[in-house]
Amino acid sequence: MSGLRRSADDLLRAATGARRVVRLCPACGSGEHGRPVALGSDAHVSISYAGDLVAVAWSYDGPVGIDVELDIEQGADRQEWTRVEALLKATGEGVRAWPDVTLPDLPSRPIDVPRGYVGTVVGTGVSWRLAGPAAQAGPARP
């Protein structure tokens, strides 16, 4: 298990009281990838990795999605893509369903991430955290 994956699992277990965090791919049934599930918790969870950063989100109110991406060009298109990908994660289908899936009507908002990254979280009653070497730099300042 990679360091970032371990960090994501540790954060979600601590935040939700889950015994374990597992993945389940709806297409192939693999546990190596796919939607994360917090076993032993009622929380809906989501995980995203980009470069040296991992973002996790959880909600007890319903589906949740989070996405972070490297933003080399710092453009609005990249920020919008994180919103779309977070919504796709909230459906449980992920990017493999795009563009043949109807995006859910969930509230979304950009998240504070280190310089060079963009991110969005979707859902209601959502909490989120960052980890990894890039997270130590703190959020970007305008």
N, C-alpha and C. Protein backbone atom coordinates (compact mmCIF):
# COMPACT_ATOMS: atom_id res chain seq x y z
N MET A 1 0.86 -1.18 0.00
CA MET A 1 0.00 0.00 0.00
C MET A 1 0.90 1.24 0.00
N SER A 2 0.62 2.18 -0.90
CA SER A 2 1.43 3.39 -0.99
C SER A 2 1.23 4.27 0.24
N GLY A 3 2.18 5.17 0.45
CA GLY A 3 2.09 6.09 1.58
C GLY A 3 0.86 6.98 1.52
N LEU A 4 0.54 7.49 0.32
CA LEU A 4 -0.64 8.34 0.19
C LEU A 4 -1.93 7.56 0.42
N ARG A 5 -1.98 6.33 -0.06
CA ARG A 5 -3.18 5.51 0.15
C ARG A 5 -3.34 5.20 1.64
N ARG A 6 -2.24 4.90 2.30
CA ARG A 6 -2.29 4.65 3.75
C ARG A 6 -2.76 5.90 4.49
N SER A 7 -2.24 7.07 4.08
CA SER A 7 -2.66 8.33 4.71
C SER A 7 -4.16 8.56 4.53
N ALA A 8 -4.67 8.30 3.33
CA ALA A 8 -6.10 8.48 3.07
C ALA A 8 -6.92 7.55 3.95
N ASP A 9 -6.52 6.30 4.01
CA ASP A 9 -7.25 5.33 4.83
C ASP A 9 -7.21 5.71 6.30
N ASP A 10 -6.03 6.13 6.78
CA ASP A 10 -5.89 6.53 8.19
C ASP A 10 -6.78 7.72 8.51
N LEU A 11 -6.79 8.73 7.64
CA LEU A 11 -7.63 9.91 7.86
C LEU A 11 -9.11 9.53 7.92
N LEU A 12 -9.55 8.70 6.99
CA LEU A 12 -10.96 8.32 6.97
C LEU A 12 -11.34 7.44 8.15
N ARG A 13 -10.47 6.54 8.54
CA ARG A 13 -10.78 5.71 9.72
C ARG A 13 -10.89 6.58 10.97
N ALA A 14 -9.97 7.51 11.15
CA ALA A 14 -10.00 8.39 12.32
C ALA A 14 -11.24 9.28 12.31
N ALA A 15 -11.60 9.80 11.15
CA ALA A 15 -12.72 10.74 11.05
C ALA A 15 -14.08 10.07 11.17
N THR A 16 -14.19 8.83 10.68
CA THR A 16 -15.51 8.19 10.61
C THR A 16 -15.69 7.04 11.59
N GLY A 17 -14.61 6.61 12.23
CA GLY A 17 -14.68 5.46 13.12
C GLY A 17 -14.75 4.13 12.38
N ALA A 18 -14.46 4.15 11.09
CA ALA A 18 -14.51 2.92 10.28
C ALA A 18 -13.44 1.94 10.75
N ARG A 19 -13.75 0.66 10.65
CA ARG A 19 -12.75 -0.39 10.95
C ARG A 19 -11.70 -0.45 9.86
N ARG A 20 -12.17 -0.36 8.62
CA ARG A 20 -11.30 -0.43 7.44
C ARG A 20 -11.90 0.40 6.33
N VAL A 21 -11.05 0.82 5.42
CA VAL A 21 -11.52 1.46 4.19
C VAL A 21 -11.12 0.53 3.05
N VAL A 22 -12.11 0.14 2.26
CA VAL A 22 -11.86 -0.76 1.13
C VAL A 22 -12.35 -0.07 -0.15
N ARG A 23 -11.91 -0.60 -1.28
CA ARG A 23 -12.37 -0.11 -2.57
C ARG A 23 -13.21 -1.19 -3.22
N LEU A 24 -14.15 -0.76 -4.04
CA LEU A 24 -14.97 -1.71 -4.78
C LEU A 24 -15.30 -1.12 -6.15
N CYS A 25 -14.76 -1.72 -7.18
CA CYS A 25 -15.02 -1.26 -8.55
C CYS A 25 -16.37 -1.81 -9.01
N PRO A 26 -17.31 -0.93 -9.39
CA PRO A 26 -18.61 -1.42 -9.84
C PRO A 26 -18.55 -2.14 -11.19
N ALA A 27 -17.50 -1.90 -11.96
CA ALA A 27 -17.40 -2.53 -13.28
C ALA A 27 -16.82 -3.93 -13.22
N CYS A 28 -15.72 -4.10 -12.45
CA CYS A 28 -15.04 -5.40 -12.48
C CYS A 28 -15.00 -6.10 -11.12
N GLY A 29 -15.45 -5.42 -10.06
CA GLY A 29 -15.46 -6.03 -8.74
C GLY A 29 -14.12 -6.02 -8.03
N SER A 30 -13.11 -5.40 -8.62
CA SER A 30 -11.78 -5.35 -8.02
C SER A 30 -11.77 -4.55 -6.72
N GLY A 31 -10.94 -4.96 -5.79
CA GLY A 31 -10.71 -4.21 -4.56
C GLY A 31 -9.47 -3.35 -4.63
N GLU A 32 -8.81 -3.34 -5.79
CA GLU A 32 -7.60 -2.54 -5.97
C GLU A 32 -7.91 -1.10 -6.37
N HIS A 33 -9.09 -0.87 -6.88
CA HIS A 33 -9.50 0.47 -7.29
C HIS A 33 -11.02 0.54 -7.15
N GLY A 34 -11.56 1.71 -7.40
CA GLY A 34 -13.00 1.87 -7.32
C GLY A 34 -13.41 2.71 -6.13
N ARG A 35 -14.70 2.78 -5.95
CA ARG A 35 -15.29 3.62 -4.90
C ARG A 35 -14.85 3.15 -3.52
N PRO A 36 -14.38 4.09 -2.67
CA PRO A 36 -14.03 3.69 -1.30
C PRO A 36 -15.28 3.50 -0.44
N VAL A 37 -15.19 2.54 0.46
CA VAL A 37 -16.27 2.24 1.40
C VAL A 37 -15.66 2.18 2.80
N ALA A 38 -16.26 2.89 3.75
CA ALA A 38 -15.80 2.89 5.14
C ALA A 38 -16.56 1.80 5.89
N LEU A 39 -15.94 0.65 6.06
CA LEU A 39 -16.59 -0.48 6.74
C LEU A 39 -16.77 -0.18 8.22
N GLY A 40 -17.97 -0.42 8.73
CA GLY A 40 -18.26 -0.17 10.14
C GLY A 40 -18.65 1.27 10.42
N SER A 41 -18.97 2.03 9.39
CA SER A 41 -19.38 3.43 9.54
C SER A 41 -20.53 3.70 8.57
N ASP A 42 -21.40 4.63 8.95
CA ASP A 42 -22.48 5.05 8.06
C ASP A 42 -22.05 6.18 7.12
N ALA A 43 -20.81 6.60 7.21
CA ALA A 43 -20.33 7.73 6.41
C ALA A 43 -20.17 7.34 4.94
N HIS A 44 -20.54 8.27 4.08
CA HIS A 44 -20.20 8.19 2.66
C HIS A 44 -18.82 8.81 2.54
N VAL A 45 -17.92 8.21 1.76
CA VAL A 45 -16.55 8.71 1.69
C VAL A 45 -16.09 8.83 0.24
N SER A 46 -15.07 9.68 0.04
CA SER A 46 -14.47 9.87 -1.27
C SER A 46 -13.00 10.19 -1.08
N ILE A 47 -12.18 9.79 -2.05
CA ILE A 47 -10.73 9.99 -2.00
C ILE A 47 -10.26 10.46 -3.36
N SER A 48 -9.27 11.36 -3.37
CA SER A 48 -8.64 11.80 -4.61
C SER A 48 -7.14 11.95 -4.40
N TYR A 49 -6.38 11.57 -5.42
CA TYR A 49 -4.92 11.69 -5.39
C TYR A 49 -4.46 12.54 -6.57
N ALA A 50 -3.46 13.39 -6.33
CA ALA A 50 -2.82 14.16 -7.41
C ALA A 50 -1.41 14.50 -6.95
N GLY A 51 -0.43 14.11 -7.73
CA GLY A 51 0.95 14.40 -7.35
C GLY A 51 1.25 13.89 -5.95
N ASP A 52 1.73 14.77 -5.08
CA ASP A 52 2.07 14.43 -3.69
C ASP A 52 0.96 14.82 -2.72
N LEU A 53 -0.27 14.84 -3.18
CA LEU A 53 -1.40 15.28 -2.36
C LEU A 53 -2.51 14.24 -2.40
N VAL A 54 -3.13 14.00 -1.25
CA VAL A 54 -4.33 13.18 -1.19
C VAL A 54 -5.40 13.99 -0.47
N ALA A 55 -6.63 13.92 -0.96
CA ALA A 55 -7.77 14.59 -0.34
C ALA A 55 -8.82 13.54 -0.01
N VAL A 56 -9.39 13.65 1.18
CA VAL A 56 -10.46 12.75 1.58
C VAL A 56 -11.66 13.58 2.02
N ALA A 57 -12.85 13.05 1.80
CA ALA A 57 -14.08 13.72 2.21
C ALA A 57 -15.04 12.69 2.76
N TRP A 58 -15.89 13.13 3.69
CA TRP A 58 -16.89 12.24 4.25
C TRP A 58 -18.13 13.03 4.63
N SER A 59 -19.26 12.35 4.60
CA SER A 59 -20.54 12.95 4.96
C SER A 59 -21.46 11.86 5.48
N TYR A 60 -22.24 12.20 6.48
CA TYR A 60 -23.27 11.29 6.98
C TYR A 60 -24.63 11.64 6.38
N ASP A 61 -24.67 12.70 5.55
CA ASP A 61 -25.93 13.18 4.98
C ASP A 61 -26.27 12.59 3.62
N GLY A 62 -25.31 11.99 2.94
CA GLY A 62 -25.57 11.45 1.61
C GLY A 62 -24.30 11.38 0.79
N PRO A 63 -24.44 11.13 -0.51
CA PRO A 63 -23.28 10.95 -1.38
C PRO A 63 -22.33 12.14 -1.33
N VAL A 64 -21.05 11.84 -1.46
CA VAL A 64 -20.00 12.85 -1.41
C VAL A 64 -18.98 12.53 -2.50
N GLY A 65 -18.35 13.56 -3.01
CA GLY A 65 -17.27 13.39 -3.96
C GLY A 65 -16.23 14.47 -3.74
N ILE A 66 -14.97 14.12 -3.94
CA ILE A 66 -13.89 15.10 -3.86
C ILE A 66 -12.92 14.81 -4.99
N ASP A 67 -12.37 15.87 -5.55
CA ASP A 67 -11.34 15.71 -6.57
C ASP A 67 -10.31 16.82 -6.44
N VAL A 68 -9.04 16.43 -6.54
CA VAL A 68 -7.93 17.38 -6.62
C VAL A 68 -7.12 17.04 -7.85
N GLU A 69 -6.58 18.06 -8.47
CA GLU A 69 -5.78 17.89 -9.68
C GLU A 69 -4.60 18.85 -9.62
N LEU A 70 -3.50 18.46 -10.26
CA LEU A 70 -2.41 19.39 -10.49
C LEU A 70 -2.91 20.45 -11.46
N ASP A 71 -2.56 21.70 -11.21
CA ASP A 71 -3.04 22.80 -12.05
C ASP A 71 -1.85 23.59 -12.55
N ILE A 72 -1.13 23.03 -13.49
CA ILE A 72 0.07 23.67 -14.01
C ILE A 72 -0.25 25.04 -14.62
N GLU A 73 -1.32 25.11 -15.39
CA GLU A 73 -1.67 26.35 -16.08
C GLU A 73 -2.59 27.25 -15.26
N GLN A 74 -3.05 26.79 -14.12
CA GLN A 74 -3.94 27.55 -13.23
C GLN A 74 -5.12 28.15 -13.99
N GLY A 75 -5.87 27.28 -14.65
CA GLY A 75 -7.00 27.74 -15.45
C GLY A 75 -8.34 27.35 -14.87
N ALA A 76 -9.36 28.10 -15.25
CA ALA A 76 -10.72 27.84 -14.77
C ALA A 76 -11.23 26.49 -15.28
N ASP A 77 -10.77 26.05 -16.45
CA ASP A 77 -11.22 24.76 -16.98
C ASP A 77 -10.83 23.62 -16.06
N ARG A 78 -9.66 23.67 -15.49
CA ARG A 78 -9.20 22.61 -14.58
C ARG A 78 -10.06 22.59 -13.32
N GLN A 79 -10.41 23.77 -12.81
CA GLN A 79 -11.28 23.85 -11.63
C GLN A 79 -12.64 23.25 -11.95
N GLU A 80 -13.18 23.56 -13.11
CA GLU A 80 -14.48 23.01 -13.51
C GLU A 80 -14.39 21.49 -13.65
N TRP A 81 -13.27 20.97 -14.18
CA TRP A 81 -13.14 19.53 -14.30
C TRP A 81 -13.16 18.87 -12.92
N THR A 82 -12.55 19.49 -11.90
CA THR A 82 -12.59 18.88 -10.56
C THR A 82 -14.02 18.80 -10.05
N ARG A 83 -14.85 19.78 -10.41
CA ARG A 83 -16.26 19.74 -10.01
C ARG A 83 -16.97 18.57 -10.69
N VAL A 84 -16.74 18.41 -11.99
CA VAL A 84 -17.37 17.31 -12.73
C VAL A 84 -16.90 15.96 -12.17
N GLU A 85 -15.59 15.82 -11.96
CA GLU A 85 -15.09 14.53 -11.47
C GLU A 85 -15.60 14.24 -10.06
N ALA A 86 -15.68 15.25 -9.21
CA ALA A 86 -16.23 15.04 -7.86
C ALA A 86 -17.69 14.60 -7.94
N LEU A 87 -18.46 15.19 -8.85
CA LEU A 87 -19.86 14.77 -9.03
C LEU A 87 -19.93 13.34 -9.54
N LEU A 88 -19.05 12.97 -10.46
CA LEU A 88 -19.02 11.59 -10.96
C LEU A 88 -18.69 10.61 -9.84
N LYS A 89 -17.77 10.99 -8.97
CA LYS A 89 -17.44 10.12 -7.83
C LYS A 89 -18.64 9.97 -6.91
N ALA A 90 -19.40 11.05 -6.73
CA ALA A 90 -20.58 10.98 -5.86
C ALA A 90 -21.62 10.01 -6.40
N THR A 91 -21.66 9.79 -7.71
CA THR A 91 -22.61 8.83 -8.29
C THR A 91 -22.20 7.39 -8.00
N GLY A 92 -20.93 7.21 -7.66
CA GLY A 92 -20.41 5.86 -7.45
C GLY A 92 -19.86 5.24 -8.72
N GLU A 93 -20.04 5.92 -9.84
CA GLU A 93 -19.58 5.40 -11.13
C GLU A 93 -18.18 5.87 -11.48
N GLY A 94 -17.84 7.09 -11.09
CA GLY A 94 -16.53 7.63 -11.42
C GLY A 94 -16.42 8.03 -12.88
N VAL A 95 -15.20 8.34 -13.29
CA VAL A 95 -14.94 8.88 -14.62
C VAL A 95 -15.30 7.91 -15.73
N ARG A 96 -15.25 6.62 -15.46
CA ARG A 96 -15.54 5.64 -16.53
C ARG A 96 -16.95 5.81 -17.09
N ALA A 97 -17.86 6.43 -16.33
CA ALA A 97 -19.24 6.62 -16.78
C ALA A 97 -19.41 7.88 -17.64
N TRP A 98 -18.42 8.74 -17.66
CA TRP A 98 -18.52 10.01 -18.38
C TRP A 98 -18.42 9.76 -19.87
N PRO A 99 -19.19 10.37 -20.72
CA PRO A 99 -20.21 11.38 -20.45
C PRO A 99 -21.63 10.82 -20.43
N ASP A 100 -21.77 9.51 -20.27
CA ASP A 100 -23.08 8.87 -20.39
C ASP A 100 -23.88 8.81 -19.09
N VAL A 101 -23.54 9.62 -18.13
CA VAL A 101 -24.24 9.60 -16.85
C VAL A 101 -24.79 11.00 -16.58
N THR A 102 -25.94 11.05 -15.93
CA THR A 102 -26.50 12.33 -15.52
C THR A 102 -25.86 12.74 -14.21
N LEU A 103 -25.28 13.92 -14.18
CA LEU A 103 -24.63 14.40 -12.96
C LEU A 103 -25.68 14.71 -11.91
N PRO A 104 -25.44 14.32 -10.66
CA PRO A 104 -26.40 14.61 -9.60
C PRO A 104 -26.44 16.10 -9.29
N ASP A 105 -27.55 16.53 -8.75
CA ASP A 105 -27.72 17.93 -8.35
C ASP A 105 -27.28 18.06 -6.90
N LEU A 106 -25.98 18.21 -6.70
CA LEU A 106 -25.41 18.34 -5.36
C LEU A 106 -24.67 19.66 -5.25
N PRO A 107 -24.69 20.27 -4.06
CA PRO A 107 -23.91 21.50 -3.89
C PRO A 107 -22.42 21.20 -4.04
N SER A 108 -21.69 22.16 -4.62
CA SER A 108 -20.25 21.99 -4.78
C SER A 108 -19.55 23.28 -4.38
N ARG A 109 -18.29 23.13 -3.99
CA ARG A 109 -17.49 24.31 -3.68
C ARG A 109 -16.01 23.98 -3.86
N PRO A 110 -15.24 24.98 -4.31
CA PRO A 110 -13.80 24.78 -4.39
C PRO A 110 -13.23 24.61 -2.98
N ILE A 111 -12.14 23.89 -2.87
CA ILE A 111 -11.48 23.72 -1.57
C ILE A 111 -10.12 24.40 -1.59
N ASP A 112 -9.65 24.80 -0.40
CA ASP A 112 -8.32 25.38 -0.26
C ASP A 112 -7.29 24.29 -0.39
N VAL A 113 -6.44 24.41 -1.40
CA VAL A 113 -5.39 23.43 -1.66
C VAL A 113 -4.08 24.18 -1.85
N PRO A 114 -2.95 23.48 -1.77
CA PRO A 114 -1.66 24.15 -1.98
C PRO A 114 -1.54 24.73 -3.39
N ARG A 115 -0.66 25.72 -3.52
CA ARG A 115 -0.39 26.33 -4.82
C ARG A 115 -0.02 25.24 -5.83
N GLY A 116 -0.55 25.35 -7.03
CA GLY A 116 -0.28 24.37 -8.07
C GLY A 116 -1.32 23.26 -8.15
N TYR A 117 -2.32 23.32 -7.30
CA TYR A 117 -3.40 22.33 -7.29
C TYR A 117 -4.74 23.06 -7.35
N VAL A 118 -5.77 22.37 -7.78
CA VAL A 118 -7.15 22.84 -7.68
C VAL A 118 -7.97 21.68 -7.13
N GLY A 119 -9.10 22.01 -6.50
CA GLY A 119 -9.92 20.95 -5.95
C GLY A 119 -11.34 21.41 -5.71
N THR A 120 -12.24 20.43 -5.68
CA THR A 120 -13.66 20.68 -5.43
C THR A 120 -14.22 19.54 -4.59
N VAL A 121 -15.14 19.89 -3.70
CA VAL A 121 -15.88 18.88 -2.93
C VAL A 121 -17.36 19.08 -3.22
N VAL A 122 -18.11 17.98 -3.30
CA VAL A 122 -19.55 18.05 -3.53
C VAL A 122 -20.28 17.22 -2.48
N GLY A 123 -21.50 17.65 -2.17
CA GLY A 123 -22.32 16.95 -1.21
C GLY A 123 -22.81 17.89 -0.13
N THR A 124 -23.63 17.37 0.78
CA THR A 124 -24.11 18.16 1.91
C THR A 124 -23.51 17.60 3.19
N GLY A 125 -23.28 18.49 4.15
CA GLY A 125 -22.72 18.07 5.43
C GLY A 125 -21.33 17.46 5.29
N VAL A 126 -20.55 17.97 4.34
CA VAL A 126 -19.25 17.37 4.01
C VAL A 126 -18.13 17.95 4.86
N SER A 127 -17.27 17.07 5.34
CA SER A 127 -15.99 17.45 5.94
C SER A 127 -14.89 16.89 5.05
N TRP A 128 -13.72 17.53 5.05
CA TRP A 128 -12.64 17.05 4.20
C TRP A 128 -11.29 17.40 4.82
N ARG A 129 -10.27 16.65 4.40
CA ARG A 129 -8.90 16.87 4.88
C ARG A 129 -7.93 16.57 3.74
N LEU A 130 -6.73 17.15 3.85
CA LEU A 130 -5.63 16.90 2.92
C LEU A 130 -4.49 16.24 3.67
N ALA A 131 -3.70 15.45 2.96
CA ALA A 131 -2.49 14.84 3.53
C ALA A 131 -1.47 14.66 2.41
N GLY A 132 -0.27 14.30 2.81
CA GLY A 132 0.81 14.07 1.86
C GLY A 132 1.81 15.21 1.90
N PRO A 133 2.97 15.02 1.27
CA PRO A 133 4.01 16.05 1.29
C PRO A 133 3.54 17.41 0.80
N ALA A 134 2.72 17.47 -0.24
CA ALA A 134 2.25 18.76 -0.76
C ALA A 134 1.34 19.47 0.23
N ALA A 135 0.64 18.73 1.07
CA ALA A 135 -0.28 19.35 2.04
C ALA A 135 0.47 20.15 3.09
N GLN A 136 1.73 19.82 3.32
CA GLN A 136 2.53 20.54 4.32
C GLN A 136 2.76 21.99 3.93
N ALA A 137 2.65 22.30 2.64
CA ALA A 137 2.86 23.66 2.16
C ALA A 137 1.71 24.58 2.55
N GLY A 138 0.57 24.02 2.90
CA GLY A 138 -0.60 24.82 3.26
C GLY A 138 -1.31 25.33 2.02
N PRO A 139 -2.47 25.97 2.22
CA PRO A 139 -3.26 26.44 1.08
C PRO A 139 -2.58 27.59 0.35
N ALA A 140 -2.87 27.71 -0.93
CA ALA A 140 -2.36 28.82 -1.73
C ALA A 140 -3.00 30.11 -1.25
N ARG A 141 -2.27 31.16 -1.35
CA ARG A 141 -2.78 32.49 -0.97
C ARG A 141 -2.94 33.33 -2.23
N PRO A 142 -4.02 34.12 -2.28
CA PRO A 142 -4.23 34.97 -3.47
C PRO A 142 -3.14 36.02 -3.60
